[in-house]
Amino acid sequence: MSEGFEIIFPAIRGIQAGREYYVSMCPLRLLPRLFIFNDEDILPEMRAQRQLNRSRVPEMARYITENPNDYVFSAITVSIDGQVDFEKIESEGDASRVGMLHIPMDSRFVINDGQHRRAAIEMALRERPELADETIAVVFFLDVGLERCQQMFADLNRYAIRPSKSLGVLYDHRDETAQLAKSLVLKSGVFRDVVEMEKTTLSQRSRRLFTLSAIYNATHELVSGIELEDPEEAAELAVSFWEEVAKHMKEWELVRNGQITAGEVRQDFINSHGVVLQALARVGNTLIRKHPNDWQKKLKKLSEIDWKRANAALWEGRALLGGRVSKAQQNIILTANAIKHKLGVELSPEEQRVEDAFNRGEHAAA
């Protein structure tokens, strides 16, 4: 801050839609002090941003504190309500775009995009103050009123599409379960060439039988609570489990041999859908923990299960709701219960409670 009661940012000036904007860097320690978000009590139509969702902030803060050497945050977008002055380094050429942005201290800053990042940084600094001198990019626009700020928020979020769960797993190198799921797809003949690595949903014409996100969820369910020495041991366990399961899934084998299309299996059967994969993994987790030496034998009766979607007597209300596959946690448990019943595996107290509630509902409907 200068003697003229200004805040001065080194900045690069640009033009967008005929309007000037500026790109600068802000030390993390100054971010909470300069860009204060206090619009929670203002009516939505009078705000320029969504209300801060405080439940999102701790998770984002943990991302910073747990990855201090390789976290990545995109720029924060801010509107300035005040008369700014841009002091160019040079009067001509490309250097005229570089200079110092002088902002009066009585100016008001409105965060158009990045309020949760700002709040997460503030929280993270309490745990890791050594990050205070690191920086984040800030894009400054000149404020021309509430309507313009609201339109900026709408435009900035108009085409913001969250990447699919499968793509997130594919590109995640921190999450051990993601690493395990990708290793499983590469090492196991069961999943090789039949897993969609980018999309979370499969079209009828897709040649893939499973999605990477479904493999990820099932893998997490399979190894949860099992003590494993290292990732290699976890990978070996996952491969051996799914290869054993595949021996009793004739529809999977028919797809690999080209005797039936993946689309036909997904349309007529439920055993390639995420709810069943996760239910199978839940059953596998129980078998591996309670029968570590002979869990493979317990899976033989999988071949006796009728996985047809048309088998509503078994699957409606469990894997299906109104004939449509459901991935809700309760449906995963109910599907696992049906599999456990067929394999002669005892239900856990939680599973029994869900089963009892399901049976009471069935009787009431009857």
Protein backbone atom coordinates (compact mmCIF):
# COMPACT_ATOMS: atom_id res chain seq x y z
CA MET A 1 0.00 0.00 0.00
CA SER A 2 1.35 3.43 -0.95
CA GLU A 3 1.29 6.79 0.81
CA GLY A 4 -1.56 7.81 -1.52
CA PHE A 5 -3.82 5.27 0.19
CA GLU A 6 -3.86 2.94 -2.75
CA ILE A 7 -3.44 -0.76 -3.28
CA ILE A 8 -0.94 -1.36 -6.06
CA PHE A 9 -0.77 -4.57 -8.06
CA PRO A 10 1.77 -5.40 -10.78
CA ALA A 11 -0.49 -6.27 -13.68
CA ILE A 12 -0.89 -7.02 -17.37
CA ARG A 13 -3.65 -5.15 -19.20
CA GLY A 14 -5.88 -6.83 -21.76
CA ILE A 15 -9.04 -6.18 -23.76
CA GLN A 16 -12.08 -8.46 -23.77
CA ALA A 17 -15.42 -7.59 -25.35
CA GLY A 18 -14.13 -4.04 -25.78
CA ARG A 19 -13.50 -3.65 -22.03
CA GLU A 20 -10.18 -3.41 -20.19
CA TYR A 21 -9.26 -6.08 -17.68
CA TYR A 22 -6.09 -6.80 -15.72
CA VAL A 23 -4.27 -9.95 -14.66
CA SER A 24 -2.15 -9.92 -11.52
CA MET A 25 -0.89 -12.11 -8.67
CA CYS A 26 -1.94 -11.87 -5.06
CA PRO A 27 -0.02 -13.34 -2.09
CA LEU A 28 -2.19 -15.88 -0.31
CA ARG A 29 -1.79 -14.04 2.99
CA LEU A 30 -3.46 -10.93 1.53
CA LEU A 31 -6.29 -12.72 -0.22
CA PRO A 32 -8.65 -12.95 2.81
CA ARG A 33 -7.93 -9.34 3.79
CA LEU A 34 -8.51 -7.76 0.39
CA PHE A 35 -11.38 -9.84 -0.95
CA ILE A 36 -13.95 -10.09 1.80
CA PHE A 37 -17.16 -11.99 1.10
CA ASN A 38 -19.97 -10.81 3.35
CA ASP A 39 -23.10 -10.98 1.21
CA GLU A 40 -24.78 -13.92 3.00
CA ASP A 41 -27.59 -11.79 4.39
CA ILE A 42 -28.36 -10.00 1.14
CA LEU A 43 -31.26 -11.16 -1.02
CA PRO A 44 -30.13 -13.35 -3.95
CA GLU A 45 -31.33 -10.84 -6.55
CA MET A 46 -29.15 -8.18 -4.91
CA ARG A 47 -26.00 -10.30 -4.82
CA ALA A 48 -23.36 -10.73 -7.52
CA GLN A 49 -22.42 -14.26 -6.41
CA ARG A 50 -23.99 -17.42 -5.07
CA GLN A 51 -24.14 -17.79 -1.30
CA LEU A 52 -21.01 -19.37 0.15
CA ASN A 53 -21.48 -23.10 0.69
CA ARG A 54 -19.41 -23.55 3.83
CA SER A 55 -19.60 -27.35 3.71
CA ARG A 56 -17.37 -27.30 0.59
CA VAL A 57 -14.61 -25.26 2.21
CA PRO A 58 -12.97 -27.81 4.59
CA GLU A 59 -12.50 -30.36 1.80
CA MET A 60 -10.89 -27.75 -0.46
CA ALA A 61 -8.68 -26.59 2.41
CA ARG A 62 -7.53 -30.16 3.05
CA TYR A 63 -6.63 -30.45 -0.61
CA ILE A 64 -4.14 -27.59 -0.11
CA THR A 65 -2.75 -28.70 3.25
CA GLU A 66 -2.33 -32.34 2.19
CA ASN A 67 -0.70 -31.42 -1.13
CA PRO A 68 1.43 -28.35 -0.32
CA ASN A 69 3.97 -29.16 -3.03
CA ASP A 70 1.61 -29.77 -5.94
CA TYR A 71 -1.81 -28.20 -5.33
CA VAL A 72 -3.28 -26.22 -8.24
CA PHE A 73 -5.88 -23.45 -8.09
CA SER A 74 -7.13 -21.47 -11.07
CA ALA A 75 -7.44 -17.68 -11.05
CA ILE A 76 -9.96 -15.78 -8.96
CA THR A 77 -12.11 -13.32 -10.90
CA VAL A 78 -12.86 -10.00 -9.21
CA SER A 79 -14.76 -6.86 -10.17
CA ILE A 80 -13.48 -3.50 -8.89
CA ASP A 81 -16.00 -0.87 -7.92
CA GLY A 82 -13.77 2.19 -8.04
CA GLN A 83 -11.67 4.45 -10.24
CA VAL A 84 -8.44 2.62 -11.05
CA ASP A 85 -5.31 3.93 -12.71
CA PHE A 86 -2.98 1.79 -14.81
CA GLU A 87 0.61 3.05 -14.90
CA LYS A 88 2.34 1.60 -17.97
CA ILE A 89 6.01 0.61 -17.87
CA GLU A 90 6.48 1.68 -21.49
CA SER A 91 4.35 3.96 -23.62
CA GLU A 92 4.44 1.83 -26.78
CA GLY A 93 4.66 -1.77 -27.96
CA ASP A 94 3.97 -4.92 -26.00
CA ALA A 95 5.57 -3.47 -22.88
CA SER A 96 2.71 -0.94 -22.72
CA ARG A 97 0.49 -3.78 -21.56
CA VAL A 98 2.61 -4.29 -18.44
CA GLY A 99 2.50 -1.92 -15.51
CA MET A 100 1.16 -1.13 -12.06
CA LEU A 101 -2.56 -1.13 -11.29
CA HIS A 102 -3.43 1.55 -8.72
CA ILE A 103 -6.68 0.87 -6.85
CA PRO A 104 -8.05 3.35 -4.26
CA MET A 105 -8.36 1.78 -0.83
CA ASP A 106 -12.02 2.74 -0.61
CA SER A 107 -12.82 0.66 -3.69
CA ARG A 108 -15.08 -2.37 -3.29
CA PHE A 109 -14.07 -5.79 -4.59
CA VAL A 110 -16.74 -8.24 -5.75
CA ILE A 111 -15.69 -11.85 -6.28
CA ASN A 112 -17.32 -13.07 -9.48
CA ASP A 113 -15.67 -16.49 -9.44
CA GLY A 114 -13.57 -18.12 -6.72
CA GLN A 115 -15.23 -17.35 -3.40
CA HIS A 116 -14.82 -20.96 -2.22
CA ARG A 117 -11.15 -20.96 -3.23
CA ARG A 118 -10.64 -17.76 -1.25
CA ALA A 119 -12.34 -19.24 1.84
CA ALA A 120 -10.39 -22.50 1.53
CA ILE A 121 -7.08 -20.63 1.28
CA GLU A 122 -7.94 -18.67 4.40
CA MET A 123 -8.67 -21.90 6.28
CA ALA A 124 -5.56 -23.66 4.96
CA LEU A 125 -3.27 -20.81 6.04
CA ARG A 126 -4.26 -21.38 9.67
CA GLU A 127 -2.76 -24.87 9.46
CA ARG A 128 0.09 -24.08 7.07
CA PRO A 129 1.14 -20.45 7.53
CA GLU A 130 4.31 -21.16 5.54
CA LEU A 131 2.16 -20.96 2.38
CA ALA A 132 1.38 -17.28 3.07
CA ASP A 133 3.85 -15.89 0.52
CA GLU A 134 2.72 -18.16 -2.31
CA THR A 135 0.46 -16.51 -4.88
CA ILE A 136 -2.74 -17.01 -6.82
CA ALA A 137 -3.66 -15.37 -10.10
CA VAL A 138 -6.37 -12.71 -9.96
CA VAL A 139 -8.26 -11.35 -12.96
CA PHE A 140 -9.64 -7.85 -12.35
CA PHE A 141 -12.60 -6.45 -14.28
CA LEU A 142 -13.90 -2.92 -13.87
CA ASP A 143 -17.31 -2.96 -12.17
CA VAL A 144 -20.13 -1.28 -14.08
CA GLY A 145 -22.92 -2.13 -11.69
CA LEU A 146 -24.74 -5.05 -10.12
CA GLU A 147 -26.38 -6.17 -13.36
CA ARG A 148 -23.01 -6.50 -15.10
CA CYS A 149 -21.53 -8.41 -12.13
CA GLN A 150 -24.45 -10.82 -12.06
CA GLN A 151 -24.14 -11.37 -15.80
CA MET A 152 -20.42 -12.07 -15.39
CA PHE A 153 -21.19 -14.71 -12.79
CA ALA A 154 -23.77 -16.33 -15.08
CA ASP A 155 -21.39 -16.25 -18.06
CA LEU A 156 -18.42 -17.62 -16.13
CA ASN A 157 -20.48 -20.59 -14.97
CA ARG A 158 -22.56 -21.08 -18.11
CA TYR A 159 -20.18 -23.52 -19.77
CA ALA A 160 -18.42 -24.86 -16.68
CA ILE A 161 -18.88 -28.63 -16.99
CA ARG A 162 -17.57 -30.90 -14.29
CA PRO A 163 -15.43 -33.70 -15.78
CA SER A 164 -16.91 -37.18 -15.64
CA LYS A 165 -16.09 -39.38 -12.65
CA SER A 166 -14.26 -41.81 -14.95
CA LEU A 167 -12.05 -39.08 -16.40
CA GLY A 168 -11.33 -37.78 -12.90
CA VAL A 169 -10.22 -41.26 -11.83
CA LEU A 170 -8.15 -41.69 -14.98
CA TYR A 171 -6.17 -38.50 -14.39
CA ASP A 172 -5.88 -38.77 -10.59
CA HIS A 173 -2.40 -39.79 -9.46
CA ARG A 174 -2.90 -39.08 -5.75
CA ASP A 175 -5.89 -41.27 -4.93
CA GLU A 176 -4.65 -44.79 -4.12
CA THR A 177 -7.99 -46.33 -5.07
CA ALA A 178 -7.83 -44.61 -8.46
CA GLN A 179 -4.34 -46.02 -8.98
CA LEU A 180 -5.58 -49.45 -7.96
CA ALA A 181 -8.59 -49.30 -10.30
CA LYS A 182 -6.40 -48.32 -13.27
CA SER A 183 -3.91 -51.06 -12.42
CA LEU A 184 -6.76 -53.55 -12.24
CA VAL A 185 -8.02 -52.59 -15.71
CA LEU A 186 -4.51 -53.00 -17.17
CA LYS A 187 -3.60 -56.26 -15.43
CA SER A 188 -6.87 -58.17 -15.51
CA GLY A 189 -8.06 -60.00 -18.60
CA VAL A 190 -11.58 -59.55 -17.27
CA PHE A 191 -11.58 -55.79 -17.83
CA ARG A 192 -9.03 -55.29 -20.57
CA ASP A 193 -10.59 -53.61 -23.63
CA VAL A 194 -14.11 -53.60 -22.17
CA VAL A 195 -13.83 -50.58 -19.83
CA GLU A 196 -14.83 -47.03 -20.85
CA MET A 197 -12.03 -44.90 -19.41
CA GLU A 198 -13.54 -41.42 -19.90
CA LYS A 199 -17.32 -41.50 -19.74
CA THR A 200 -19.45 -42.34 -16.73
CA THR A 201 -22.42 -43.53 -18.77
CA LEU A 202 -22.46 -45.89 -21.72
CA SER A 203 -24.56 -45.47 -24.84
CA GLN A 204 -26.49 -48.40 -26.26
CA ARG A 205 -23.98 -48.67 -29.13
CA SER A 206 -20.89 -48.57 -26.93
CA ARG A 207 -18.64 -51.60 -27.21
CA ARG A 208 -17.60 -51.21 -23.56
CA LEU A 209 -19.14 -53.29 -20.79
CA PHE A 210 -18.07 -51.29 -17.74
CA THR A 211 -17.03 -47.75 -16.83
CA LEU A 212 -13.85 -46.85 -14.98
CA SER A 213 -15.91 -45.02 -12.36
CA ALA A 214 -17.86 -48.24 -11.65
CA ILE A 215 -14.57 -50.17 -11.33
CA TYR A 216 -13.30 -47.47 -8.97
CA ASN A 217 -16.38 -47.64 -6.71
CA ALA A 218 -16.30 -51.44 -6.66
CA THR A 219 -12.55 -51.53 -5.95
CA HIS A 220 -12.99 -49.15 -3.02
CA GLU A 221 -15.74 -51.40 -1.65
CA LEU A 222 -13.65 -54.54 -2.14
CA VAL A 223 -10.51 -53.50 -0.22
CA SER A 224 -12.17 -51.31 2.45
CA GLY A 225 -11.04 -52.37 5.92
CA ILE A 226 -8.75 -55.16 4.65
CA GLU A 227 -5.15 -54.87 5.86
CA LEU A 228 -2.81 -54.97 2.88
CA GLU A 229 0.93 -54.42 2.98
CA ASP A 230 1.32 -52.38 -0.17
CA PRO A 231 -0.45 -51.32 -3.41
CA GLU A 232 0.97 -54.33 -5.24
CA GLU A 233 -0.70 -56.73 -2.82
CA ALA A 234 -3.97 -54.82 -3.18
CA ALA A 235 -3.72 -55.05 -6.97
CA GLU A 236 -3.09 -58.80 -6.83
CA LEU A 237 -6.08 -59.30 -4.54
CA ALA A 238 -8.37 -57.23 -6.77
CA VAL A 239 -7.25 -59.05 -9.92
CA SER A 240 -7.69 -62.48 -8.34
CA PHE A 241 -11.15 -61.60 -7.02
CA TRP A 242 -12.55 -60.27 -10.30
CA GLU A 243 -11.03 -63.08 -12.34
CA GLU A 244 -12.71 -65.56 -10.00
CA VAL A 245 -16.03 -63.70 -10.31
CA ALA A 246 -15.70 -63.66 -14.11
CA LYS A 247 -15.53 -67.46 -14.20
CA HIS A 248 -19.17 -67.48 -13.13
CA MET A 249 -20.42 -64.66 -15.39
CA LYS A 250 -21.13 -66.26 -18.75
CA GLU A 251 -22.45 -62.99 -20.23
CA TRP A 252 -19.07 -61.30 -19.67
CA GLU A 253 -17.34 -64.18 -21.43
CA LEU A 254 -19.74 -64.00 -24.38
CA VAL A 255 -18.89 -60.31 -24.87
CA ARG A 256 -15.13 -60.97 -24.75
CA ASN A 257 -15.55 -63.74 -27.33
CA GLY A 258 -17.65 -61.53 -29.61
CA GLN A 259 -20.71 -63.78 -29.36
CA ILE A 260 -22.92 -61.00 -28.02
CA THR A 261 -22.53 -57.23 -27.94
CA ALA A 262 -21.85 -55.25 -24.79
CA GLY A 263 -24.98 -53.19 -25.51
CA GLU A 264 -27.15 -56.29 -25.57
CA VAL A 265 -25.77 -57.44 -22.21
CA ARG A 266 -26.30 -54.04 -20.60
CA GLN A 267 -29.84 -53.86 -21.97
CA ASP A 268 -30.96 -57.36 -20.95
CA PHE A 269 -28.84 -58.11 -17.87
CA ILE A 270 -27.82 -56.16 -14.79
CA ASN A 271 -24.52 -57.85 -13.93
CA SER A 272 -22.33 -55.34 -15.77
CA HIS A 273 -23.93 -52.30 -14.12
CA GLY A 274 -22.24 -50.37 -11.33
CA VAL A 275 -24.78 -51.35 -8.67
CA VAL A 276 -24.02 -55.06 -9.17
CA LEU A 277 -20.24 -54.56 -9.41
CA GLN A 278 -20.29 -52.68 -6.12
CA ALA A 279 -22.60 -55.28 -4.55
CA LEU A 280 -20.28 -58.08 -5.71
CA ALA A 281 -17.33 -56.20 -4.22
CA ARG A 282 -19.22 -55.79 -0.95
CA VAL A 283 -19.81 -59.54 -0.87
CA GLY A 284 -16.16 -60.13 -1.77
CA ASN A 285 -14.99 -57.91 1.07
CA THR A 286 -16.97 -60.02 3.55
CA LEU A 287 -15.72 -63.31 2.08
CA ILE A 288 -12.06 -62.26 2.05
CA ARG A 289 -12.21 -61.09 5.66
CA LYS A 290 -14.18 -64.06 7.04
CA HIS A 291 -12.95 -66.82 4.71
CA PRO A 292 -9.41 -65.79 3.75
CA ASN A 293 -8.37 -69.28 2.70
CA ASP A 294 -11.35 -70.47 0.68
CA TRP A 295 -13.33 -67.42 -0.44
CA GLN A 296 -12.97 -68.55 -4.06
CA LYS A 297 -15.11 -71.64 -3.44
CA LYS A 298 -17.89 -69.49 -2.00
CA LEU A 299 -18.29 -67.68 -5.33
CA LYS A 300 -19.20 -70.76 -7.37
CA LYS A 301 -22.94 -70.28 -6.89
CA LEU A 302 -22.78 -66.94 -8.70
CA SER A 303 -23.34 -68.94 -11.88
CA GLU A 304 -26.77 -69.99 -10.56
CA ILE A 305 -28.05 -66.40 -10.23
CA ASP A 306 -30.44 -65.15 -12.90
CA TRP A 307 -29.08 -61.70 -13.77
CA LYS A 308 -31.76 -60.89 -16.35
CA ARG A 309 -33.31 -57.46 -15.95
CA ALA A 310 -36.66 -59.17 -16.60
CA ASN A 311 -36.23 -61.14 -13.35
CA ALA A 312 -38.25 -58.51 -11.49
CA ALA A 313 -39.21 -60.91 -8.71
CA LEU A 314 -35.60 -60.84 -7.52
CA TRP A 315 -34.24 -57.48 -8.64
CA GLU A 316 -37.14 -55.02 -8.46
CA GLY A 317 -36.63 -52.89 -5.38
CA ARG A 318 -33.04 -54.10 -5.09
CA ALA A 319 -30.97 -53.32 -8.18
CA LEU A 320 -34.00 -51.91 -10.02
CA LEU A 321 -36.55 -49.23 -9.21
CA GLY A 322 -39.45 -49.17 -11.62
CA GLY A 323 -37.41 -51.28 -14.02
CA ARG A 324 -34.48 -48.83 -14.04
CA VAL A 325 -31.09 -49.60 -12.53
CA SER A 326 -30.44 -47.64 -9.31
CA LYS A 327 -26.97 -46.99 -7.82
CA ALA A 328 -28.23 -45.65 -4.47
CA GLN A 329 -26.43 -47.03 -1.42
CA GLN A 330 -29.56 -48.81 -0.19
CA ASN A 331 -29.91 -50.57 -3.54
CA ILE A 332 -26.27 -51.64 -3.42
CA ILE A 333 -26.84 -53.19 0.00
CA LEU A 334 -30.08 -54.91 -1.05
CA THR A 335 -28.42 -56.29 -4.19
CA ALA A 336 -25.50 -57.54 -2.09
CA ASN A 337 -27.99 -59.13 0.32
CA ALA A 338 -29.56 -61.12 -2.52
CA ILE A 339 -26.15 -62.32 -3.65
CA LYS A 340 -25.13 -63.22 -0.10
CA HIS A 341 -28.35 -65.18 0.36
CA LYS A 342 -27.58 -67.21 -2.75
CA LEU A 343 -24.00 -67.85 -1.65
CA GLY A 344 -24.99 -68.72 1.92
CA VAL A 345 -23.16 -65.75 3.46
CA GLU A 346 -24.46 -64.21 6.68
CA LEU A 347 -25.65 -60.60 6.56
CA SER A 348 -24.07 -57.94 8.74
CA PRO A 349 -26.33 -56.18 11.31
CA GLU A 350 -26.58 -53.15 9.01
CA GLU A 351 -27.48 -55.33 6.02
CA GLN A 352 -30.06 -57.20 8.07
CA ARG A 353 -31.72 -53.93 9.11
CA VAL A 354 -31.95 -52.83 5.47
CA GLU A 355 -33.28 -56.27 4.49
CA ASP A 356 -35.93 -56.24 7.22
CA ALA A 357 -37.09 -52.77 6.16
CA PHE A 358 -37.27 -53.94 2.54
CA ASN A 359 -39.32 -57.00 3.45
CA ARG A 360 -41.71 -54.94 5.57
CA GLY A 361 -42.21 -52.60 2.61
CA GLU A 362 -42.82 -55.51 0.26
CA HIS A 363 -45.46 -57.00 2.54
CA ALA A 364 -47.14 -53.65 2.95
CA ALA A 365 -47.28 -53.23 -0.83
CA ALA A 366 -48.72 -56.73 -1.21
